[in-house]
N, C-alpha and C. Protein backbone atom coordinates (compact mmCIF):
# COMPACT_ATOMS: atom_id res chain seq x y z
N UNK A 1 0.64 -7.29 -31.85
CA UNK A 1 1.32 -7.52 -30.58
C UNK A 1 1.59 -6.17 -29.92
N UNK A 2 1.34 -6.10 -28.60
CA UNK A 2 1.54 -4.85 -27.87
C UNK A 2 3.02 -4.53 -27.76
N UNK A 3 3.44 -3.30 -28.11
CA UNK A 3 4.86 -2.95 -28.01
C UNK A 3 5.36 -3.01 -26.57
N UNK A 4 6.61 -3.35 -26.41
CA UNK A 4 7.23 -3.34 -25.09
C UNK A 4 7.24 -1.91 -24.55
N UNK A 5 6.81 -1.76 -23.30
CA UNK A 5 6.69 -0.44 -22.68
C UNK A 5 7.96 -0.15 -21.87
N UNK A 6 8.56 1.02 -22.10
CA UNK A 6 9.87 1.33 -21.52
C UNK A 6 9.82 2.66 -20.78
N UNK A 7 10.49 2.71 -19.62
CA UNK A 7 10.71 3.95 -18.88
C UNK A 7 12.20 4.25 -18.94
N UNK A 8 12.56 5.48 -19.29
CA UNK A 8 13.97 5.89 -19.38
C UNK A 8 14.29 6.81 -18.21
N UNK A 9 15.24 6.38 -17.36
CA UNK A 9 15.63 7.17 -16.19
C UNK A 9 17.09 7.57 -16.31
N UNK A 10 17.33 8.87 -16.49
CA UNK A 10 18.69 9.39 -16.60
C UNK A 10 18.64 10.87 -16.26
N UNK A 11 19.68 11.38 -15.58
CA UNK A 11 19.62 12.78 -15.17
C UNK A 11 20.00 13.75 -16.29
N UNK A 12 20.40 13.23 -17.45
CA UNK A 12 20.73 14.09 -18.58
C UNK A 12 19.61 14.07 -19.62
N UNK A 13 19.02 15.23 -19.86
CA UNK A 13 17.89 15.32 -20.78
C UNK A 13 18.26 14.86 -22.19
N UNK A 14 19.48 15.16 -22.63
CA UNK A 14 19.90 14.76 -23.98
C UNK A 14 19.96 13.25 -24.11
N UNK A 15 20.42 12.58 -23.05
CA UNK A 15 20.48 11.12 -23.07
C UNK A 15 19.08 10.55 -23.13
N UNK A 16 18.19 11.07 -22.30
CA UNK A 16 16.81 10.57 -22.31
C UNK A 16 16.17 10.77 -23.68
N UNK A 17 16.37 11.96 -24.26
CA UNK A 17 15.79 12.25 -25.57
C UNK A 17 16.35 11.36 -26.65
N UNK A 18 17.66 11.13 -26.60
CA UNK A 18 18.28 10.27 -27.60
C UNK A 18 17.78 8.84 -27.51
N UNK A 19 17.70 8.33 -26.29
CA UNK A 19 17.21 6.95 -26.11
C UNK A 19 15.74 6.84 -26.53
N UNK A 20 14.96 7.88 -26.21
CA UNK A 20 13.54 7.84 -26.60
C UNK A 20 13.41 7.71 -28.12
N UNK A 21 14.18 8.50 -28.86
CA UNK A 21 14.12 8.45 -30.32
C UNK A 21 14.54 7.09 -30.84
N UNK A 22 15.61 6.54 -30.30
CA UNK A 22 16.11 5.23 -30.74
C UNK A 22 15.09 4.13 -30.46
N UNK A 23 14.54 4.15 -29.26
CA UNK A 23 13.59 3.10 -28.89
C UNK A 23 12.30 3.19 -29.70
N UNK A 24 11.82 4.41 -29.89
CA UNK A 24 10.60 4.59 -30.69
C UNK A 24 10.81 4.13 -32.12
N UNK A 25 11.97 4.46 -32.68
CA UNK A 25 12.29 4.03 -34.04
C UNK A 25 12.35 2.51 -34.13
N UNK A 26 12.74 1.87 -33.01
CA UNK A 26 12.83 0.42 -32.98
C UNK A 26 11.51 -0.27 -32.67
N UNK A 27 10.43 0.51 -32.61
CA UNK A 27 9.12 -0.09 -32.39
C UNK A 27 8.74 -0.30 -30.94
N UNK A 28 9.48 0.33 -30.03
CA UNK A 28 9.20 0.21 -28.61
C UNK A 28 8.43 1.44 -28.13
N UNK A 29 7.67 1.29 -27.06
CA UNK A 29 6.82 2.36 -26.56
C UNK A 29 7.43 2.98 -25.30
N UNK A 30 8.00 4.17 -25.42
CA UNK A 30 8.55 4.87 -24.26
C UNK A 30 7.40 5.56 -23.53
N UNK A 31 7.03 5.02 -22.37
CA UNK A 31 5.84 5.51 -21.68
C UNK A 31 6.15 6.63 -20.70
N UNK A 32 7.46 6.87 -20.43
CA UNK A 32 7.79 7.94 -19.50
C UNK A 32 9.28 8.13 -19.36
N UNK A 33 9.65 9.25 -18.70
CA UNK A 33 11.04 9.56 -18.43
C UNK A 33 11.17 9.99 -16.97
N UNK A 34 12.37 9.85 -16.43
CA UNK A 34 12.63 10.29 -15.07
C UNK A 34 14.03 10.90 -15.02
N UNK A 35 14.18 11.99 -14.25
CA UNK A 35 15.44 12.71 -14.19
C UNK A 35 16.25 12.40 -12.94
N UNK A 36 15.68 11.64 -12.00
CA UNK A 36 16.42 11.23 -10.81
C UNK A 36 15.85 9.93 -10.30
N UNK A 37 16.52 9.36 -9.28
CA UNK A 37 16.11 8.06 -8.80
C UNK A 37 14.73 8.02 -8.17
N UNK A 38 14.40 9.02 -7.39
CA UNK A 38 13.08 9.04 -6.75
C UNK A 38 11.97 9.10 -7.79
N UNK A 39 12.18 9.93 -8.80
CA UNK A 39 11.19 10.04 -9.86
C UNK A 39 11.10 8.72 -10.64
N UNK A 40 12.23 8.05 -10.80
CA UNK A 40 12.22 6.76 -11.51
C UNK A 40 11.36 5.74 -10.78
N UNK A 41 11.49 5.69 -9.46
CA UNK A 41 10.68 4.75 -8.68
C UNK A 41 9.20 5.10 -8.79
N UNK A 42 8.89 6.39 -8.61
CA UNK A 42 7.48 6.82 -8.67
C UNK A 42 6.87 6.53 -10.04
N UNK A 43 7.62 6.84 -11.10
CA UNK A 43 7.11 6.61 -12.45
C UNK A 43 6.96 5.12 -12.74
N UNK A 44 7.92 4.31 -12.29
CA UNK A 44 7.84 2.88 -12.54
C UNK A 44 6.63 2.26 -11.86
N UNK A 45 6.35 2.69 -10.64
CA UNK A 45 5.22 2.13 -9.90
C UNK A 45 3.89 2.65 -10.43
N UNK A 46 3.91 3.85 -11.00
CA UNK A 46 2.67 4.41 -11.56
C UNK A 46 2.39 3.86 -12.95
N UNK A 47 3.43 3.79 -13.78
CA UNK A 47 3.23 3.42 -15.19
C UNK A 47 3.35 1.92 -15.45
N UNK A 48 4.03 1.20 -14.55
CA UNK A 48 4.23 -0.25 -14.69
C UNK A 48 4.81 -0.62 -16.06
N UNK A 49 5.97 -0.07 -16.41
CA UNK A 49 6.58 -0.42 -17.69
C UNK A 49 7.09 -1.85 -17.67
N UNK A 50 7.33 -2.41 -18.84
CA UNK A 50 7.93 -3.74 -18.93
C UNK A 50 9.41 -3.69 -18.59
N UNK A 51 10.07 -2.60 -19.02
CA UNK A 51 11.51 -2.45 -18.83
C UNK A 51 11.82 -1.03 -18.39
N UNK A 52 12.75 -0.89 -17.44
CA UNK A 52 13.28 0.41 -17.04
C UNK A 52 14.74 0.48 -17.43
N UNK A 53 15.11 1.51 -18.20
CA UNK A 53 16.52 1.81 -18.45
C UNK A 53 16.95 2.75 -17.34
N UNK A 54 17.81 2.27 -16.44
CA UNK A 54 18.11 2.97 -15.19
C UNK A 54 19.57 3.42 -15.14
N UNK A 55 19.79 4.72 -15.19
CA UNK A 55 21.14 5.25 -15.01
C UNK A 55 21.60 4.92 -13.58
N UNK A 56 22.84 4.45 -13.43
CA UNK A 56 23.31 4.05 -12.11
C UNK A 56 23.63 5.23 -11.21
N UNK A 57 24.01 6.37 -11.81
CA UNK A 57 24.40 7.53 -11.01
C UNK A 57 23.45 8.69 -11.29
N UNK A 58 22.54 8.92 -10.34
CA UNK A 58 21.55 9.98 -10.48
C UNK A 58 21.41 10.71 -9.15
N UNK A 59 20.94 11.97 -9.18
CA UNK A 59 20.71 12.70 -7.92
C UNK A 59 19.48 12.18 -7.19
N UNK A 60 19.32 12.61 -5.96
CA UNK A 60 18.19 12.26 -5.10
C UNK A 60 18.26 10.82 -4.61
N UNK A 61 18.45 9.90 -5.54
CA UNK A 61 18.57 8.48 -5.21
C UNK A 61 19.31 7.81 -6.35
N UNK A 62 20.34 7.02 -6.05
CA UNK A 62 21.10 6.40 -7.14
C UNK A 62 20.32 5.24 -7.74
N UNK A 63 20.80 4.76 -8.89
CA UNK A 63 20.10 3.71 -9.60
C UNK A 63 20.04 2.40 -8.85
N UNK A 64 21.00 2.15 -7.97
CA UNK A 64 21.00 0.92 -7.19
C UNK A 64 19.80 0.87 -6.25
N UNK A 65 19.64 1.93 -5.45
CA UNK A 65 18.51 1.95 -4.53
C UNK A 65 17.19 2.01 -5.28
N UNK A 66 17.16 2.76 -6.39
CA UNK A 66 15.94 2.83 -7.19
C UNK A 66 15.58 1.44 -7.74
N UNK A 67 16.58 0.70 -8.17
CA UNK A 67 16.33 -0.66 -8.68
C UNK A 67 15.73 -1.54 -7.59
N UNK A 68 16.31 -1.48 -6.40
CA UNK A 68 15.78 -2.28 -5.28
C UNK A 68 14.31 -1.96 -5.02
N UNK A 69 14.00 -0.67 -5.00
CA UNK A 69 12.63 -0.27 -4.66
C UNK A 69 11.64 -0.65 -5.76
N UNK A 70 12.05 -0.47 -7.01
CA UNK A 70 11.17 -0.82 -8.12
C UNK A 70 10.86 -2.31 -8.10
N UNK A 71 11.89 -3.13 -7.97
CA UNK A 71 11.69 -4.58 -8.04
C UNK A 71 10.98 -5.13 -6.80
N UNK A 72 11.10 -4.43 -5.67
CA UNK A 72 10.39 -4.87 -4.47
C UNK A 72 8.89 -4.73 -4.64
N UNK A 73 8.46 -3.67 -5.34
CA UNK A 73 7.03 -3.40 -5.49
C UNK A 73 6.48 -3.81 -6.86
N UNK A 74 7.37 -4.00 -7.83
CA UNK A 74 6.93 -4.40 -9.17
C UNK A 74 7.87 -5.49 -9.69
N UNK A 75 7.79 -6.69 -9.11
CA UNK A 75 8.75 -7.76 -9.45
C UNK A 75 8.71 -8.21 -10.90
N UNK A 76 7.61 -7.93 -11.60
CA UNK A 76 7.52 -8.33 -13.01
C UNK A 76 8.31 -7.38 -13.92
N UNK A 77 8.65 -6.20 -13.40
CA UNK A 77 9.40 -5.23 -14.18
C UNK A 77 10.83 -5.70 -14.36
N UNK A 78 11.44 -5.35 -15.48
CA UNK A 78 12.84 -5.68 -15.74
C UNK A 78 13.65 -4.38 -15.77
N UNK A 79 14.82 -4.41 -15.18
CA UNK A 79 15.67 -3.22 -15.11
C UNK A 79 16.99 -3.47 -15.83
N UNK A 80 17.35 -2.55 -16.72
CA UNK A 80 18.66 -2.56 -17.36
C UNK A 80 19.42 -1.35 -16.82
N UNK A 81 20.60 -1.61 -16.26
CA UNK A 81 21.41 -0.54 -15.70
C UNK A 81 22.23 0.13 -16.79
N UNK A 82 22.26 1.46 -16.77
CA UNK A 82 23.07 2.23 -17.71
C UNK A 82 24.28 2.79 -16.98
N UNK A 83 25.45 2.62 -17.54
CA UNK A 83 26.66 3.09 -16.89
C UNK A 83 27.69 3.51 -17.93
N UNK A 84 28.63 4.34 -17.51
CA UNK A 84 29.73 4.72 -18.40
C UNK A 84 30.96 3.86 -18.13
N UNK A 85 30.89 3.01 -17.11
CA UNK A 85 32.02 2.15 -16.75
C UNK A 85 31.55 0.70 -16.67
N UNK A 86 32.30 -0.22 -17.31
CA UNK A 86 31.88 -1.61 -17.27
C UNK A 86 32.27 -2.29 -15.95
N UNK A 87 33.30 -1.78 -15.26
CA UNK A 87 33.68 -2.35 -13.98
C UNK A 87 33.29 -1.37 -12.88
N UNK A 88 32.09 -1.48 -12.40
CA UNK A 88 31.51 -0.52 -11.48
C UNK A 88 30.85 -1.29 -10.34
N UNK A 89 31.27 -1.02 -9.09
CA UNK A 89 30.71 -1.73 -7.94
C UNK A 89 29.20 -1.53 -7.85
N UNK A 90 28.72 -0.35 -8.27
CA UNK A 90 27.28 -0.11 -8.24
C UNK A 90 26.55 -1.04 -9.21
N UNK A 91 27.14 -1.27 -10.37
CA UNK A 91 26.52 -2.15 -11.35
C UNK A 91 26.42 -3.55 -10.77
N UNK A 92 27.48 -4.02 -10.15
CA UNK A 92 27.48 -5.35 -9.55
C UNK A 92 26.37 -5.46 -8.50
N UNK A 93 26.29 -4.46 -7.65
CA UNK A 93 25.27 -4.48 -6.60
C UNK A 93 23.86 -4.46 -7.19
N UNK A 94 23.69 -3.73 -8.30
CA UNK A 94 22.37 -3.68 -8.94
C UNK A 94 22.00 -5.04 -9.53
N UNK A 95 22.97 -5.73 -10.11
CA UNK A 95 22.71 -7.07 -10.62
C UNK A 95 22.32 -8.01 -9.49
N UNK A 96 23.03 -7.90 -8.37
CA UNK A 96 22.71 -8.72 -7.21
C UNK A 96 21.31 -8.40 -6.68
N UNK A 97 20.89 -7.14 -6.84
CA UNK A 97 19.57 -6.72 -6.36
C UNK A 97 18.44 -7.16 -7.29
N UNK A 98 18.80 -7.65 -8.48
CA UNK A 98 17.77 -8.15 -9.37
C UNK A 98 17.71 -7.52 -10.74
N UNK A 99 18.60 -6.57 -11.03
CA UNK A 99 18.62 -6.01 -12.39
C UNK A 99 18.94 -7.12 -13.39
N UNK A 100 18.42 -6.99 -14.59
CA UNK A 100 18.56 -8.05 -15.59
C UNK A 100 19.78 -7.88 -16.48
N UNK A 101 20.60 -6.88 -16.20
CA UNK A 101 21.81 -6.69 -16.99
C UNK A 101 22.20 -5.24 -17.01
N UNK A 102 23.23 -4.93 -17.78
CA UNK A 102 23.67 -3.54 -17.87
C UNK A 102 24.19 -3.24 -19.27
N UNK A 103 24.14 -1.96 -19.61
CA UNK A 103 24.64 -1.47 -20.89
C UNK A 103 25.54 -0.27 -20.65
N UNK A 104 26.58 -0.16 -21.46
CA UNK A 104 27.37 1.06 -21.45
C UNK A 104 26.61 2.12 -22.24
N UNK A 105 26.77 3.38 -21.86
CA UNK A 105 25.98 4.44 -22.49
C UNK A 105 26.35 4.69 -23.94
N UNK A 106 27.49 4.17 -24.37
CA UNK A 106 27.85 4.33 -25.78
C UNK A 106 27.35 3.17 -26.64
N UNK A 107 26.37 2.45 -26.12
CA UNK A 107 25.78 1.33 -26.85
C UNK A 107 25.24 1.78 -28.21
N UNK A 108 25.31 0.91 -29.20
CA UNK A 108 24.76 1.26 -30.51
C UNK A 108 23.24 1.22 -30.47
N UNK A 109 22.58 1.97 -31.34
CA UNK A 109 21.11 1.94 -31.36
C UNK A 109 20.56 0.52 -31.52
N UNK A 110 21.17 -0.26 -32.40
CA UNK A 110 20.68 -1.62 -32.65
C UNK A 110 20.80 -2.49 -31.40
N UNK A 111 21.91 -2.33 -30.70
CA UNK A 111 22.13 -3.13 -29.48
C UNK A 111 21.17 -2.71 -28.38
N UNK A 112 20.90 -1.42 -28.28
CA UNK A 112 19.98 -0.92 -27.26
C UNK A 112 18.59 -1.52 -27.46
N UNK A 113 18.09 -1.45 -28.67
CA UNK A 113 16.75 -1.99 -28.96
C UNK A 113 16.73 -3.50 -28.71
N UNK A 114 17.76 -4.21 -29.17
CA UNK A 114 17.81 -5.66 -29.00
C UNK A 114 17.87 -6.02 -27.51
N UNK A 115 18.59 -5.24 -26.73
CA UNK A 115 18.72 -5.52 -25.30
C UNK A 115 17.38 -5.37 -24.59
N UNK A 116 16.65 -4.31 -24.91
CA UNK A 116 15.33 -4.11 -24.29
C UNK A 116 14.39 -5.24 -24.67
N UNK A 117 14.41 -5.63 -25.92
CA UNK A 117 13.55 -6.73 -26.37
C UNK A 117 13.92 -8.03 -25.63
N UNK A 118 15.22 -8.26 -25.46
CA UNK A 118 15.67 -9.49 -24.81
C UNK A 118 15.19 -9.59 -23.37
N UNK A 119 15.43 -8.54 -22.58
CA UNK A 119 15.05 -8.64 -21.17
C UNK A 119 13.53 -8.61 -21.00
N UNK A 120 12.81 -8.04 -21.95
CA UNK A 120 11.35 -8.02 -21.85
C UNK A 120 10.76 -9.42 -21.94
N UNK A 121 11.53 -10.36 -22.50
CA UNK A 121 11.06 -11.74 -22.60
C UNK A 121 11.35 -12.53 -21.34
N UNK A 122 12.05 -11.90 -20.38
CA UNK A 122 12.37 -12.59 -19.13
C UNK A 122 13.79 -13.09 -19.06
N UNK A 123 14.56 -12.88 -20.13
CA UNK A 123 15.95 -13.32 -20.13
C UNK A 123 16.83 -12.24 -19.51
N UNK A 124 18.09 -12.57 -19.29
CA UNK A 124 19.03 -11.60 -18.74
C UNK A 124 19.99 -11.16 -19.82
N UNK A 125 20.45 -9.93 -19.69
CA UNK A 125 21.38 -9.36 -20.65
C UNK A 125 22.79 -9.55 -20.11
N UNK A 126 23.51 -10.51 -20.65
CA UNK A 126 24.84 -10.80 -20.15
C UNK A 126 25.85 -10.82 -21.28
N UNK A 127 26.85 -9.95 -21.16
CA UNK A 127 28.01 -10.06 -22.04
C UNK A 127 29.02 -10.84 -21.22
N UNK A 128 29.20 -12.13 -21.50
CA UNK A 128 29.96 -13.01 -20.60
C UNK A 128 31.31 -12.47 -20.16
N UNK A 129 32.12 -11.95 -21.07
CA UNK A 129 33.47 -11.52 -20.69
C UNK A 129 33.42 -10.34 -19.73
N UNK A 130 32.57 -9.35 -20.02
CA UNK A 130 32.47 -8.18 -19.15
C UNK A 130 31.83 -8.56 -17.82
N UNK A 131 30.76 -9.35 -17.87
CA UNK A 131 30.07 -9.72 -16.64
C UNK A 131 30.99 -10.52 -15.73
N UNK A 132 31.76 -11.41 -16.31
CA UNK A 132 32.65 -12.22 -15.50
C UNK A 132 33.72 -11.36 -14.83
N UNK A 133 34.30 -10.41 -15.56
CA UNK A 133 35.29 -9.52 -14.96
C UNK A 133 34.67 -8.71 -13.83
N UNK A 134 33.44 -8.27 -14.05
CA UNK A 134 32.72 -7.50 -13.04
C UNK A 134 32.52 -8.33 -11.78
N UNK A 135 32.04 -9.55 -11.95
CA UNK A 135 31.77 -10.42 -10.82
C UNK A 135 33.07 -10.79 -10.10
N UNK A 136 34.10 -11.13 -10.86
CA UNK A 136 35.36 -11.52 -10.23
C UNK A 136 35.98 -10.38 -9.42
N UNK A 137 35.74 -9.16 -9.87
CA UNK A 137 36.33 -8.02 -9.15
C UNK A 137 35.56 -7.69 -7.88
N UNK A 138 34.24 -7.77 -7.93
CA UNK A 138 33.45 -7.26 -6.82
C UNK A 138 32.76 -8.32 -5.96
N UNK A 139 32.74 -9.58 -6.41
CA UNK A 139 32.06 -10.62 -5.63
C UNK A 139 32.77 -10.84 -4.30
N UNK A 140 32.01 -11.00 -3.25
CA UNK A 140 32.55 -11.32 -1.93
C UNK A 140 31.81 -12.54 -1.40
N UNK A 141 32.48 -13.35 -0.59
CA UNK A 141 31.81 -14.54 -0.06
C UNK A 141 30.51 -14.18 0.65
N UNK A 142 29.51 -14.98 0.43
CA UNK A 142 28.21 -14.74 1.05
C UNK A 142 27.70 -16.07 1.58
N UNK A 143 26.73 -16.04 2.52
CA UNK A 143 26.18 -17.30 3.02
C UNK A 143 25.66 -18.16 1.87
N UNK A 144 25.89 -19.45 1.98
CA UNK A 144 25.41 -20.36 0.95
C UNK A 144 23.89 -20.28 0.87
N UNK A 145 23.35 -19.98 -0.32
CA UNK A 145 21.90 -19.83 -0.41
C UNK A 145 21.16 -21.11 -0.13
N UNK A 146 20.00 -20.97 0.49
CA UNK A 146 19.16 -22.14 0.71
C UNK A 146 18.81 -22.74 -0.65
N UNK A 147 18.87 -24.01 -0.75
CA UNK A 147 18.53 -24.66 -2.00
C UNK A 147 19.73 -25.15 -2.77
N UNK A 148 20.94 -24.60 -2.47
CA UNK A 148 22.12 -25.02 -3.23
C UNK A 148 22.39 -26.51 -3.00
N UNK A 149 22.19 -26.97 -1.77
CA UNK A 149 22.41 -28.39 -1.46
C UNK A 149 21.36 -29.28 -2.09
N UNK A 150 20.24 -28.66 -2.51
CA UNK A 150 19.16 -29.45 -3.12
C UNK A 150 19.37 -29.66 -4.62
N UNK A 151 20.36 -28.99 -5.18
CA UNK A 151 20.63 -29.18 -6.61
C UNK A 151 21.18 -30.57 -6.86
N UNK A 152 20.75 -31.18 -7.94
CA UNK A 152 21.33 -32.45 -8.33
C UNK A 152 22.73 -32.22 -8.89
N UNK A 153 23.56 -33.26 -8.99
CA UNK A 153 24.89 -33.07 -9.59
C UNK A 153 24.81 -32.45 -10.98
N UNK A 154 23.84 -32.85 -11.78
CA UNK A 154 23.71 -32.29 -13.12
C UNK A 154 23.34 -30.81 -13.04
N UNK A 155 22.41 -30.44 -12.15
CA UNK A 155 22.01 -29.05 -12.02
C UNK A 155 23.19 -28.19 -11.53
N UNK A 156 24.00 -28.74 -10.63
CA UNK A 156 25.18 -28.02 -10.16
C UNK A 156 26.14 -27.77 -11.31
N UNK A 157 26.32 -28.77 -12.16
CA UNK A 157 27.20 -28.63 -13.32
C UNK A 157 26.66 -27.58 -14.28
N UNK A 158 25.35 -27.59 -14.51
CA UNK A 158 24.73 -26.60 -15.39
C UNK A 158 24.93 -25.20 -14.82
N UNK A 159 24.77 -25.04 -13.52
CA UNK A 159 24.94 -23.73 -12.89
C UNK A 159 26.38 -23.23 -13.07
N UNK A 160 27.36 -24.10 -12.88
CA UNK A 160 28.76 -23.71 -13.05
C UNK A 160 29.01 -23.22 -14.48
N UNK A 161 28.52 -23.97 -15.44
CA UNK A 161 28.76 -23.62 -16.85
C UNK A 161 28.00 -22.35 -17.23
N UNK A 162 26.78 -22.22 -16.72
CA UNK A 162 25.99 -21.02 -16.98
C UNK A 162 26.72 -19.80 -16.44
N UNK A 163 27.30 -19.94 -15.24
CA UNK A 163 28.00 -18.82 -14.62
C UNK A 163 29.26 -18.43 -15.37
N UNK A 164 29.78 -19.34 -16.18
CA UNK A 164 30.95 -19.03 -16.99
C UNK A 164 30.57 -18.39 -18.31
N UNK A 165 29.27 -18.19 -18.53
CA UNK A 165 28.82 -17.45 -19.69
C UNK A 165 28.33 -18.28 -20.85
N UNK A 166 28.18 -19.59 -20.67
CA UNK A 166 27.71 -20.42 -21.78
C UNK A 166 26.23 -20.16 -22.05
N UNK A 167 25.89 -20.07 -23.32
CA UNK A 167 24.49 -19.91 -23.73
C UNK A 167 23.80 -21.28 -23.68
N UNK A 168 22.48 -21.28 -23.84
CA UNK A 168 21.77 -22.55 -23.83
C UNK A 168 22.25 -23.50 -24.93
N UNK A 169 22.46 -23.04 -26.18
CA UNK A 169 22.99 -23.95 -27.20
C UNK A 169 24.38 -24.48 -26.84
N UNK A 170 25.21 -23.63 -26.24
CA UNK A 170 26.56 -24.06 -25.84
C UNK A 170 26.49 -25.07 -24.69
N UNK A 171 25.58 -24.83 -23.77
CA UNK A 171 25.38 -25.79 -22.68
C UNK A 171 24.93 -27.14 -23.22
N UNK A 172 23.98 -27.09 -24.15
CA UNK A 172 23.46 -28.34 -24.73
C UNK A 172 24.57 -29.12 -25.43
N UNK A 173 25.40 -28.41 -26.19
CA UNK A 173 26.48 -29.08 -26.91
C UNK A 173 27.52 -29.64 -25.94
N UNK A 174 27.87 -28.86 -24.92
CA UNK A 174 28.89 -29.28 -23.97
C UNK A 174 28.45 -30.50 -23.17
N UNK A 175 27.18 -30.57 -22.82
CA UNK A 175 26.67 -31.64 -21.97
C UNK A 175 25.98 -32.76 -22.76
N UNK A 176 25.95 -32.60 -24.08
CA UNK A 176 25.28 -33.59 -24.95
C UNK A 176 23.82 -33.77 -24.55
N UNK A 177 23.16 -32.63 -24.36
CA UNK A 177 21.74 -32.62 -24.01
C UNK A 177 20.98 -31.81 -25.05
N UNK A 178 19.66 -31.95 -25.07
CA UNK A 178 18.84 -31.10 -25.93
C UNK A 178 18.69 -29.74 -25.26
N UNK A 179 18.40 -28.71 -26.07
CA UNK A 179 18.18 -27.39 -25.49
C UNK A 179 16.97 -27.38 -24.56
N UNK A 180 15.97 -28.18 -24.89
CA UNK A 180 14.78 -28.27 -24.03
C UNK A 180 15.14 -28.80 -22.65
N UNK A 181 16.03 -29.80 -22.62
CA UNK A 181 16.46 -30.36 -21.33
C UNK A 181 17.27 -29.34 -20.55
N UNK A 182 18.13 -28.60 -21.25
CA UNK A 182 18.92 -27.54 -20.60
C UNK A 182 17.99 -26.50 -19.98
N UNK A 183 16.98 -26.09 -20.72
CA UNK A 183 16.04 -25.10 -20.19
C UNK A 183 15.32 -25.62 -18.95
N UNK A 184 15.00 -26.91 -18.95
CA UNK A 184 14.34 -27.52 -17.79
C UNK A 184 15.25 -27.48 -16.58
N UNK A 185 16.52 -27.83 -16.78
CA UNK A 185 17.49 -27.78 -15.68
C UNK A 185 17.61 -26.36 -15.13
N UNK A 186 17.71 -25.38 -16.03
CA UNK A 186 17.86 -23.98 -15.59
C UNK A 186 16.63 -23.52 -14.81
N UNK A 187 15.45 -23.89 -15.29
CA UNK A 187 14.22 -23.50 -14.59
C UNK A 187 14.19 -24.09 -13.19
N UNK A 188 14.64 -25.33 -13.05
CA UNK A 188 14.66 -25.96 -11.72
C UNK A 188 15.69 -25.31 -10.80
N UNK A 189 16.84 -24.94 -11.38
CA UNK A 189 17.88 -24.25 -10.60
C UNK A 189 17.33 -22.93 -10.07
N UNK A 190 16.69 -22.16 -10.96
CA UNK A 190 16.14 -20.86 -10.55
C UNK A 190 15.10 -21.04 -9.46
N UNK A 191 14.24 -22.06 -9.60
CA UNK A 191 13.18 -22.29 -8.61
C UNK A 191 13.77 -22.67 -7.25
N UNK A 192 14.77 -23.55 -7.26
CA UNK A 192 15.35 -24.01 -6.00
C UNK A 192 16.12 -22.91 -5.27
N UNK A 193 16.76 -22.01 -6.05
CA UNK A 193 17.58 -20.97 -5.46
C UNK A 193 16.87 -19.62 -5.35
N UNK A 194 15.65 -19.54 -5.89
CA UNK A 194 14.90 -18.29 -5.83
C UNK A 194 15.52 -17.19 -6.67
N UNK A 195 16.01 -17.55 -7.87
CA UNK A 195 16.68 -16.59 -8.74
C UNK A 195 15.73 -16.05 -9.80
N UNK A 196 15.96 -14.81 -10.20
CA UNK A 196 15.16 -14.19 -11.25
C UNK A 196 15.64 -14.58 -12.65
N UNK A 197 16.97 -14.58 -12.81
CA UNK A 197 17.50 -14.79 -14.16
C UNK A 197 18.96 -15.18 -14.10
N UNK A 198 19.61 -15.21 -15.28
CA UNK A 198 20.99 -15.67 -15.37
C UNK A 198 21.97 -14.73 -14.66
N UNK A 199 21.66 -13.45 -14.63
CA UNK A 199 22.55 -12.51 -13.95
C UNK A 199 22.70 -12.89 -12.48
N UNK A 200 21.60 -13.15 -11.81
CA UNK A 200 21.67 -13.55 -10.41
C UNK A 200 22.30 -14.92 -10.25
N UNK A 201 22.12 -15.79 -11.24
CA UNK A 201 22.74 -17.11 -11.17
C UNK A 201 24.27 -17.00 -11.18
N UNK A 202 24.80 -16.11 -12.03
CA UNK A 202 26.24 -15.90 -12.10
C UNK A 202 26.76 -15.42 -10.74
N UNK A 203 26.09 -14.44 -10.16
CA UNK A 203 26.51 -13.88 -8.89
C UNK A 203 26.45 -14.93 -7.78
N UNK A 204 25.37 -15.71 -7.76
CA UNK A 204 25.22 -16.75 -6.75
C UNK A 204 26.33 -17.78 -6.85
N UNK A 205 26.70 -18.16 -8.07
CA UNK A 205 27.74 -19.17 -8.26
C UNK A 205 29.08 -18.69 -7.70
N UNK A 206 29.40 -17.42 -7.89
CA UNK A 206 30.65 -16.88 -7.38
C UNK A 206 30.60 -16.65 -5.87
N UNK A 207 29.54 -16.03 -5.40
CA UNK A 207 29.48 -15.68 -3.97
C UNK A 207 29.39 -16.91 -3.08
N UNK A 208 28.83 -17.99 -3.60
CA UNK A 208 28.72 -19.22 -2.82
C UNK A 208 29.98 -20.08 -2.88
N UNK A 209 30.94 -19.67 -3.74
CA UNK A 209 32.17 -20.43 -3.88
C UNK A 209 32.09 -21.57 -4.87
N UNK A 210 30.95 -21.69 -5.56
CA UNK A 210 30.80 -22.75 -6.55
C UNK A 210 31.81 -22.56 -7.69
N UNK A 211 32.10 -21.29 -7.98
CA UNK A 211 33.16 -20.92 -8.92
C UNK A 211 34.06 -19.94 -8.20
N UNK A 212 35.36 -20.08 -8.38
CA UNK A 212 36.29 -19.15 -7.75
C UNK A 212 36.89 -18.23 -8.81
N UNK A 213 37.17 -16.97 -8.46
CA UNK A 213 37.76 -16.05 -9.42
C UNK A 213 39.02 -16.62 -10.04
N UNK A 214 39.09 -16.49 -11.37
CA UNK A 214 40.26 -16.98 -12.08
C UNK A 214 40.14 -18.42 -12.55
N UNK A 215 39.06 -19.12 -12.09
CA UNK A 215 38.90 -20.50 -12.52
C UNK A 215 38.41 -20.53 -13.95
N UNK A 216 38.59 -21.63 -14.63
CA UNK A 216 38.16 -21.74 -16.02
C UNK A 216 37.25 -22.94 -16.17
């Protein structure tokens, strides 16, 4: 099986070198590095990695704008945002722009490798408690997305529960459905709303008012 190809973008050489060693040891292929946002975009479009580890705060161009540009031209690429703060408006904006999740820079080697493997499969990297706090702090009302009215009552219920951080097994147990049926509902929700993954689903649920901050 071909190793997952990773680009590491961070303005600190020691961070890039450390992540390269960890990822290589974990069986992943680090195909390039970038020291600023502009270089990250250029390298991502040239090398076409499966996953980009993107520092949110870099010179020349921040990770938010770099994420937007990478995903606009390489939609199959997955971006994981790197930050030193879990409650960061830039991180929220990057998730809304299509990033598949975020990691704190003090992540353990095992978690880093597992996170890259996870998003490379097309899933989103969500730590429910942190993601929910992030969304509740920075989400602002937005126009109701096209397709929300097209969701069935069951799909709307699935979206609400998904946005609260329930995993597929938890959704299946809560709704007395099979995991296969849950996956079908989620796929239909994503198609109707034009979502990439669970991260965008969480944001859409809050910004559209489907879930309100502080609700349980």
